Amino acid sequence: MIEHKPEPWSSAIRNSCHEEIVLARLRIGYTRLTHSYLFQGLHAPPSCVYCNEVNLLVDHISCCPSLQNLRSIHGVPDSSPSALCNNSEKVSNSVNYLRSTYYFPLF
């Protein structure tokens, strides 16, 4: 839905600028991790280091079967839109989940 009056999301305001950048990139679906291969001239996107899924996309990070237990521990839903919605608790849980993976520094 297109908002008539765009307003900042309260959940996007973080103590860390890096976290804000990561959240913005995840919400639009383009991160250094998932798309840097285009700038490096590589012909294939990276694969998931946890389950070897061939085409690593932002949505896969939220539903990777090998990370299901970790998502459960952090209370993160298996859907990117749900995990990254404008809910401070869900976003904090998602950031903690991402920090506990290999991927967080690569976003």
N, C-alpha and C. Protein backbone atom coordinates (compact mmCIF):
# COMPACT_ATOMS: atom_id res chain seq x y z
N MET A 1 0.84 -1.17 0.00
CA MET A 1 0.00 0.00 0.00
C MET A 1 0.88 1.24 0.00
N ILE A 2 0.57 2.21 -0.83
CA ILE A 2 1.32 3.46 -0.90
C ILE A 2 0.78 4.41 0.15
N GLU A 3 1.67 4.92 0.96
CA GLU A 3 1.28 5.85 2.01
C GLU A 3 1.12 7.25 1.43
N HIS A 4 0.07 7.94 1.82
CA HIS A 4 -0.15 9.30 1.34
C HIS A 4 0.78 10.28 2.03
N LYS A 5 1.10 10.00 3.27
CA LYS A 5 2.01 10.86 4.03
C LYS A 5 3.10 9.97 4.62
N PRO A 6 4.23 9.84 3.94
CA PRO A 6 5.30 8.98 4.46
C PRO A 6 5.82 9.47 5.80
N GLU A 7 5.96 8.56 6.70
CA GLU A 7 6.50 8.87 8.02
C GLU A 7 7.57 7.84 8.36
N PRO A 8 8.57 8.26 9.13
CA PRO A 8 9.61 7.29 9.51
C PRO A 8 9.04 6.19 10.41
N TRP A 9 9.57 5.00 10.23
CA TRP A 9 9.17 3.90 11.09
C TRP A 9 9.92 4.01 12.41
N SER A 10 9.20 3.89 13.50
CA SER A 10 9.85 3.97 14.81
C SER A 10 10.83 2.81 14.99
N SER A 11 10.55 1.68 14.38
CA SER A 11 11.43 0.52 14.52
C SER A 11 12.72 0.67 13.72
N ALA A 12 12.78 1.67 12.84
CA ALA A 12 13.99 1.87 12.04
C ALA A 12 15.03 2.69 12.78
N ILE A 13 14.64 3.32 13.86
CA ILE A 13 15.58 4.14 14.64
C ILE A 13 16.31 3.23 15.61
N ARG A 14 17.58 3.02 15.34
CA ARG A 14 18.39 2.08 16.12
C ARG A 14 19.54 2.84 16.78
N ASN A 15 20.18 2.22 17.75
CA ASN A 15 21.36 2.81 18.39
C ASN A 15 22.58 2.75 17.50
N SER A 16 22.55 1.88 16.52
CA SER A 16 23.69 1.68 15.63
C SER A 16 23.31 2.08 14.21
N CYS A 17 24.11 2.93 13.61
CA CYS A 17 23.90 3.32 12.22
C CYS A 17 23.98 2.10 11.31
N HIS A 18 24.90 1.19 11.61
CA HIS A 18 25.05 -0.02 10.81
C HIS A 18 23.75 -0.84 10.83
N GLU A 19 23.10 -0.95 11.99
CA GLU A 19 21.84 -1.68 12.07
C GLU A 19 20.77 -1.01 11.22
N GLU A 20 20.71 0.32 11.23
CA GLU A 20 19.73 1.03 10.42
C GLU A 20 19.96 0.76 8.93
N ILE A 21 21.21 0.74 8.52
CA ILE A 21 21.54 0.47 7.13
C ILE A 21 21.15 -0.96 6.76
N VAL A 22 21.48 -1.90 7.63
CA VAL A 22 21.14 -3.31 7.38
C VAL A 22 19.63 -3.47 7.25
N LEU A 23 18.87 -2.87 8.15
CA LEU A 23 17.42 -2.98 8.10
C LEU A 23 16.87 -2.39 6.80
N ALA A 24 17.38 -1.23 6.42
CA ALA A 24 16.90 -0.60 5.18
C ALA A 24 17.20 -1.50 3.98
N ARG A 25 18.41 -2.05 3.93
CA ARG A 25 18.77 -2.93 2.81
C ARG A 25 17.92 -4.20 2.79
N LEU A 26 17.68 -4.77 3.95
CA LEU A 26 16.85 -5.98 4.01
C LEU A 26 15.42 -5.67 3.58
N ARG A 27 14.91 -4.53 4.00
CA ARG A 27 13.53 -4.18 3.67
C ARG A 27 13.34 -3.94 2.17
N ILE A 28 14.35 -3.43 1.49
CA ILE A 28 14.20 -3.23 0.05
C ILE A 28 14.62 -4.47 -0.74
N GLY A 29 15.29 -5.41 -0.06
CA GLY A 29 15.63 -6.68 -0.71
C GLY A 29 16.96 -6.71 -1.44
N TYR A 30 17.78 -5.69 -1.25
CA TYR A 30 19.10 -5.63 -1.91
C TYR A 30 20.17 -5.39 -0.86
N THR A 31 21.08 -6.34 -0.73
CA THR A 31 22.17 -6.20 0.23
C THR A 31 23.49 -6.48 -0.48
N ARG A 32 24.58 -6.09 0.15
CA ARG A 32 25.90 -6.42 -0.42
C ARG A 32 26.07 -7.92 -0.52
N LEU A 33 25.56 -8.64 0.46
CA LEU A 33 25.68 -10.10 0.47
C LEU A 33 24.99 -10.73 -0.73
N THR A 34 23.78 -10.29 -1.02
CA THR A 34 23.00 -10.94 -2.07
C THR A 34 23.24 -10.39 -3.47
N HIS A 35 23.80 -9.18 -3.59
CA HIS A 35 23.92 -8.56 -4.91
C HIS A 35 25.33 -8.10 -5.29
N SER A 36 26.30 -8.24 -4.42
CA SER A 36 27.65 -7.76 -4.75
C SER A 36 28.28 -8.53 -5.90
N TYR A 37 27.81 -9.74 -6.16
CA TYR A 37 28.36 -10.50 -7.28
C TYR A 37 28.16 -9.77 -8.61
N LEU A 38 27.11 -8.96 -8.71
CA LEU A 38 26.87 -8.19 -9.93
C LEU A 38 27.97 -7.15 -10.16
N PHE A 39 28.42 -6.52 -9.09
CA PHE A 39 29.45 -5.50 -9.19
C PHE A 39 30.85 -6.10 -9.34
N GLN A 40 30.99 -7.34 -8.91
CA GLN A 40 32.28 -8.02 -9.00
C GLN A 40 32.45 -8.74 -10.33
N GLY A 41 31.43 -8.69 -11.17
CA GLY A 41 31.51 -9.34 -12.48
C GLY A 41 31.39 -10.84 -12.43
N LEU A 42 30.86 -11.38 -11.35
CA LEU A 42 30.65 -12.82 -11.24
C LEU A 42 29.34 -13.18 -11.94
N HIS A 43 29.22 -14.40 -12.37
CA HIS A 43 28.05 -14.80 -13.14
C HIS A 43 26.95 -15.44 -12.31
N ALA A 44 27.24 -15.76 -11.08
CA ALA A 44 26.24 -16.43 -10.26
C ALA A 44 26.17 -15.80 -8.88
N PRO A 45 24.98 -15.71 -8.32
CA PRO A 45 24.85 -15.19 -6.96
C PRO A 45 25.45 -16.15 -5.95
N PRO A 46 25.72 -15.67 -4.75
CA PRO A 46 26.29 -16.56 -3.73
C PRO A 46 25.26 -17.60 -3.30
N SER A 47 25.76 -18.66 -2.69
CA SER A 47 24.86 -19.68 -2.15
C SER A 47 24.85 -19.56 -0.63
N CYS A 48 23.85 -20.15 -0.03
CA CYS A 48 23.71 -20.11 1.42
C CYS A 48 24.79 -20.99 2.06
N VAL A 49 25.52 -20.43 3.01
CA VAL A 49 26.58 -21.20 3.66
C VAL A 49 26.02 -22.23 4.64
N TYR A 50 24.74 -22.11 4.98
CA TYR A 50 24.13 -23.04 5.94
C TYR A 50 23.47 -24.24 5.28
N CYS A 51 22.79 -24.02 4.13
CA CYS A 51 22.06 -25.12 3.50
C CYS A 51 22.43 -25.32 2.04
N ASN A 52 23.36 -24.52 1.53
CA ASN A 52 23.83 -24.59 0.14
C ASN A 52 22.76 -24.27 -0.90
N GLU A 53 21.71 -23.55 -0.51
CA GLU A 53 20.73 -23.04 -1.48
C GLU A 53 21.51 -22.24 -2.52
N VAL A 54 21.26 -22.52 -3.77
CA VAL A 54 22.07 -21.96 -4.85
C VAL A 54 21.91 -20.45 -5.01
N ASN A 55 20.71 -19.93 -4.92
CA ASN A 55 20.47 -18.52 -5.16
C ASN A 55 20.11 -17.83 -3.84
N LEU A 56 21.09 -17.23 -3.21
CA LEU A 56 20.87 -16.59 -1.91
C LEU A 56 20.16 -15.25 -2.10
N LEU A 57 18.95 -15.16 -1.56
CA LEU A 57 18.17 -13.93 -1.59
C LEU A 57 17.82 -13.55 -0.15
N VAL A 58 17.40 -12.31 0.03
CA VAL A 58 17.02 -11.83 1.36
C VAL A 58 15.93 -12.72 1.95
N ASP A 59 14.94 -13.08 1.16
CA ASP A 59 13.86 -13.93 1.67
C ASP A 59 14.36 -15.28 2.18
N HIS A 60 15.40 -15.80 1.57
CA HIS A 60 15.93 -17.10 2.01
C HIS A 60 16.51 -17.01 3.42
N ILE A 61 17.11 -15.89 3.76
CA ILE A 61 17.71 -15.73 5.08
C ILE A 61 16.64 -15.84 6.17
N SER A 62 15.42 -15.46 5.84
CA SER A 62 14.31 -15.54 6.79
C SER A 62 13.65 -16.91 6.84
N CYS A 63 13.96 -17.77 5.89
CA CYS A 63 13.29 -19.08 5.89
C CYS A 63 14.24 -20.25 5.65
N CYS A 64 15.53 -20.04 5.76
CA CYS A 64 16.51 -21.12 5.57
C CYS A 64 16.20 -22.25 6.56
N PRO A 65 16.01 -23.46 6.05
CA PRO A 65 15.68 -24.57 6.96
C PRO A 65 16.77 -24.86 7.98
N SER A 66 18.00 -24.59 7.63
CA SER A 66 19.11 -24.86 8.55
C SER A 66 19.17 -23.85 9.70
N LEU A 67 18.49 -22.73 9.54
CA LEU A 67 18.50 -21.70 10.59
C LEU A 67 17.19 -21.65 11.37
N GLN A 68 16.30 -22.61 11.14
CA GLN A 68 15.00 -22.63 11.81
C GLN A 68 15.13 -22.61 13.32
N ASN A 69 16.01 -23.42 13.88
CA ASN A 69 16.19 -23.47 15.32
C ASN A 69 16.65 -22.12 15.87
N LEU A 70 17.56 -21.47 15.17
CA LEU A 70 18.06 -20.16 15.59
C LEU A 70 16.94 -19.12 15.54
N ARG A 71 16.11 -19.17 14.50
CA ARG A 71 14.97 -18.25 14.43
C ARG A 71 14.01 -18.48 15.59
N SER A 72 13.79 -19.73 15.94
CA SER A 72 12.90 -20.06 17.07
C SER A 72 13.45 -19.52 18.38
N ILE A 73 14.75 -19.66 18.58
CA ILE A 73 15.39 -19.15 19.80
C ILE A 73 15.18 -17.65 19.94
N HIS A 74 15.26 -16.93 18.83
CA HIS A 74 15.14 -15.47 18.85
C HIS A 74 13.71 -14.98 18.63
N GLY A 75 12.78 -15.90 18.40
CA GLY A 75 11.39 -15.51 18.20
C GLY A 75 11.16 -14.75 16.91
N VAL A 76 11.81 -15.19 15.84
CA VAL A 76 11.71 -14.52 14.55
C VAL A 76 10.81 -15.33 13.62
N PRO A 77 9.82 -14.67 12.99
CA PRO A 77 8.95 -15.39 12.05
C PRO A 77 9.72 -15.81 10.79
N ASP A 78 9.16 -16.77 10.06
CA ASP A 78 9.79 -17.29 8.84
C ASP A 78 9.49 -16.44 7.61
N SER A 79 9.10 -15.23 7.79
CA SER A 79 8.74 -14.35 6.68
C SER A 79 9.45 -13.01 6.85
N SER A 80 10.14 -12.57 5.81
CA SER A 80 10.85 -11.28 5.87
C SER A 80 9.93 -10.12 6.21
N PRO A 81 8.76 -9.98 5.53
CA PRO A 81 7.89 -8.86 5.86
C PRO A 81 7.44 -8.86 7.33
N SER A 82 7.16 -10.03 7.87
CA SER A 82 6.74 -10.11 9.28
C SER A 82 7.90 -9.80 10.22
N ALA A 83 9.07 -10.28 9.88
CA ALA A 83 10.24 -10.09 10.74
C ALA A 83 10.75 -8.65 10.71
N LEU A 84 10.48 -7.94 9.62
CA LEU A 84 11.02 -6.58 9.46
C LEU A 84 9.94 -5.51 9.48
N CYS A 85 8.75 -5.85 9.97
CA CYS A 85 7.65 -4.89 10.00
C CYS A 85 7.94 -3.77 11.01
N ASN A 86 7.05 -2.81 11.08
CA ASN A 86 7.26 -1.68 11.99
C ASN A 86 6.83 -2.05 13.41
N ASN A 87 7.54 -2.99 13.98
CA ASN A 87 7.31 -3.45 15.34
C ASN A 87 8.68 -3.57 15.99
N SER A 88 8.96 -2.70 16.95
CA SER A 88 10.30 -2.63 17.53
C SER A 88 10.77 -3.95 18.13
N GLU A 89 9.87 -4.68 18.77
CA GLU A 89 10.27 -5.96 19.37
C GLU A 89 10.66 -6.98 18.30
N LYS A 90 9.84 -7.09 17.24
CA LYS A 90 10.16 -8.02 16.16
C LYS A 90 11.46 -7.64 15.46
N VAL A 91 11.66 -6.36 15.26
CA VAL A 91 12.89 -5.91 14.60
C VAL A 91 14.10 -6.19 15.48
N SER A 92 13.99 -5.93 16.76
CA SER A 92 15.10 -6.23 17.68
C SER A 92 15.41 -7.72 17.68
N ASN A 93 14.38 -8.56 17.70
CA ASN A 93 14.59 -10.01 17.65
C ASN A 93 15.27 -10.39 16.34
N SER A 94 14.84 -9.77 15.24
CA SER A 94 15.43 -10.08 13.94
C SER A 94 16.89 -9.67 13.88
N VAL A 95 17.21 -8.51 14.43
CA VAL A 95 18.60 -8.05 14.45
C VAL A 95 19.45 -9.00 15.29
N ASN A 96 18.94 -9.43 16.43
CA ASN A 96 19.68 -10.38 17.27
C ASN A 96 19.89 -11.70 16.54
N TYR A 97 18.86 -12.16 15.83
CA TYR A 97 18.97 -13.38 15.02
C TYR A 97 20.05 -13.21 13.96
N LEU A 98 19.98 -12.11 13.23
CA LEU A 98 20.96 -11.87 12.16
C LEU A 98 22.38 -11.76 12.72
N ARG A 99 22.52 -11.12 13.87
CA ARG A 99 23.85 -11.01 14.49
C ARG A 99 24.43 -12.37 14.85
N SER A 100 23.56 -13.32 15.13
CA SER A 100 24.04 -14.65 15.51
C SER A 100 24.36 -15.52 14.29
N THR A 101 24.21 -14.97 13.10
CA THR A 101 24.57 -15.69 11.88
C THR A 101 25.86 -15.13 11.30
N TYR A 102 26.36 -15.84 10.34
CA TYR A 102 27.55 -15.42 9.61
C TYR A 102 27.26 -14.20 8.74
N TYR A 103 25.99 -13.98 8.41
CA TYR A 103 25.61 -12.99 7.40
C TYR A 103 25.65 -11.53 7.84
N PHE A 104 25.40 -11.23 9.11
CA PHE A 104 25.21 -9.84 9.53
C PHE A 104 26.31 -8.88 9.06
N PRO A 105 27.57 -9.20 9.23
CA PRO A 105 28.60 -8.24 8.77
C PRO A 105 28.65 -8.08 7.25
N LEU A 106 28.02 -8.99 6.53
CA LEU A 106 28.11 -8.97 5.07
C LEU A 106 26.99 -8.20 4.40
N PHE A 107 26.05 -7.68 5.18
CA PHE A 107 24.96 -6.92 4.60
C PHE A 107 25.44 -5.56 4.22
